[in-house]
């Protein structure tokens, strides 16, 4: 998908998600409820994924993350400069990450 499509889809998804974020957070983590169990919960076992190399382009050469997704990178960088930082640009940052993941990068 094009970076404009990814950005538009992400923006709509982000708006829908943030509207329900507090309720979802409480549901997932039990914050704000009084029905906490006295028994401690067992920590889930997490296995680190196997390390893999960088994604490979059509020419057989490894892709460089610095050159991937130039459209979303430009929008993200401009937002960071003009709006003064990460907090104001979270949706642009996430759009760039989505694009990088679609290119095969693990971010």
Protein backbone atom coordinates (compact mmCIF):
# COMPACT_ATOMS: atom_id res chain seq x y z
CA UNK A 1 0.00 0.00 0.00
CA UNK A 2 1.07 3.57 -0.58
CA UNK A 3 2.25 5.60 2.38
CA UNK A 4 -0.72 7.98 1.90
CA UNK A 5 -3.12 5.04 2.16
CA UNK A 6 -1.33 3.68 5.21
CA UNK A 7 -1.33 7.12 6.81
CA UNK A 8 -5.05 7.66 6.13
CA UNK A 9 -5.98 4.20 7.41
CA UNK A 10 -3.82 4.68 10.49
CA UNK A 11 -5.31 8.07 11.23
CA UNK A 12 -8.86 6.67 11.14
CA UNK A 13 -7.83 3.66 13.19
CA UNK A 14 -6.01 5.86 15.71
CA UNK A 15 -9.08 8.09 16.20
CA UNK A 16 -11.33 5.08 16.73
CA UNK A 17 -8.84 3.46 19.09
CA UNK A 18 -8.20 6.49 21.27
CA UNK A 19 -11.92 6.99 21.83
CA UNK A 20 -12.08 3.65 23.65
CA UNK A 21 -8.56 3.55 25.08
CA UNK A 22 -9.38 4.20 28.78
CA UNK A 23 -12.09 1.52 28.86
CA UNK A 24 -9.88 -0.91 26.98
CA UNK A 25 -6.98 -0.25 29.33
CA UNK A 26 -9.15 -0.88 32.36
CA UNK A 27 -10.56 -4.04 30.82
CA UNK A 28 -7.11 -5.38 29.90
CA UNK A 29 -5.30 -4.51 33.11
CA UNK A 30 -8.10 -4.38 35.68
CA UNK A 31 -7.33 -0.82 36.73
CA UNK A 32 -10.05 0.93 38.62
CA UNK A 33 -11.89 -2.25 39.56
CA UNK A 34 -12.42 -3.57 43.06
CA UNK A 35 -12.59 -7.25 42.12
CA UNK A 36 -8.85 -7.91 42.32
CA UNK A 37 -7.89 -11.44 43.23
CA UNK A 38 -5.79 -12.05 46.34
CA UNK A 39 -3.76 -14.66 44.45
CA UNK A 40 -0.79 -13.37 42.46
CA UNK A 41 -1.01 -14.04 38.76
CA UNK A 42 1.72 -16.09 37.13
CA UNK A 43 3.88 -14.17 34.70
CA UNK A 44 3.47 -15.39 31.13
CA UNK A 45 6.50 -17.03 29.56
CA UNK A 46 7.79 -15.01 26.65
CA UNK A 47 10.21 -16.43 24.15
CA UNK A 48 12.30 -14.02 22.13
CA UNK A 49 11.77 -14.39 18.40
CA UNK A 50 14.63 -15.77 16.35
CA UNK A 51 16.93 -13.09 15.01
CA UNK A 52 16.62 -12.54 11.31
CA UNK A 53 18.57 -10.36 8.96
CA UNK A 54 17.31 -7.23 7.25
CA UNK A 55 14.66 -7.64 4.56
CA UNK A 56 15.95 -8.22 1.05
CA UNK A 57 14.88 -6.09 -1.91
CA UNK A 58 13.90 -7.28 -5.40
CA UNK A 59 17.52 -6.82 -6.47
CA UNK A 60 18.69 -9.33 -3.84
CA UNK A 61 20.44 -6.70 -1.74
CA UNK A 62 19.48 -6.01 1.90
CA UNK A 63 17.08 -3.09 2.30
CA UNK A 64 18.23 -0.12 4.38
CA UNK A 65 15.78 1.18 6.95
CA UNK A 66 16.98 4.74 6.39
CA UNK A 67 15.82 4.60 2.76
CA UNK A 68 12.51 2.78 3.27
CA UNK A 69 9.18 4.63 3.35
CA UNK A 70 10.41 8.10 2.36
CA UNK A 71 6.87 9.58 2.28
CA UNK A 72 5.92 8.66 5.84
CA UNK A 73 9.44 9.47 7.04
CA UNK A 74 9.19 12.99 5.60
CA UNK A 75 5.77 13.62 7.19
CA UNK A 76 6.98 12.26 10.54
CA UNK A 77 10.15 14.36 10.49
CA UNK A 78 8.31 17.55 9.51
CA UNK A 79 5.81 17.00 12.31
CA UNK A 80 8.60 16.51 14.85
CA UNK A 81 10.29 19.76 13.78
CA UNK A 82 7.17 21.90 13.39
CA UNK A 83 5.15 20.63 16.36
CA UNK A 84 8.06 20.28 18.72
CA UNK A 85 8.38 16.63 19.51
CA UNK A 86 7.24 13.09 19.79
CA UNK A 87 4.09 13.63 21.88
CA UNK A 88 2.46 15.77 19.19
CA UNK A 89 3.35 13.36 16.38
CA UNK A 90 2.46 9.92 17.69
CA UNK A 91 0.13 9.15 14.79
CA UNK A 92 2.78 10.11 12.23
CA UNK A 93 5.38 8.03 14.05
CA UNK A 94 3.06 5.04 14.11
CA UNK A 95 2.23 5.48 10.40
CA UNK A 96 5.94 5.34 9.62
CA UNK A 97 6.36 2.21 11.74
CA UNK A 98 3.44 0.55 9.93
CA UNK A 99 5.07 1.35 6.61
CA UNK A 100 8.43 0.00 7.78
CA UNK A 101 6.78 -3.21 8.98
CA UNK A 102 5.08 -3.60 5.59
CA UNK A 103 8.57 -3.40 4.05
CA UNK A 104 9.73 -6.26 6.30
CA UNK A 105 11.51 -4.35 9.07
CA UNK A 106 10.99 -5.38 12.69
CA UNK A 107 10.17 -2.12 14.48
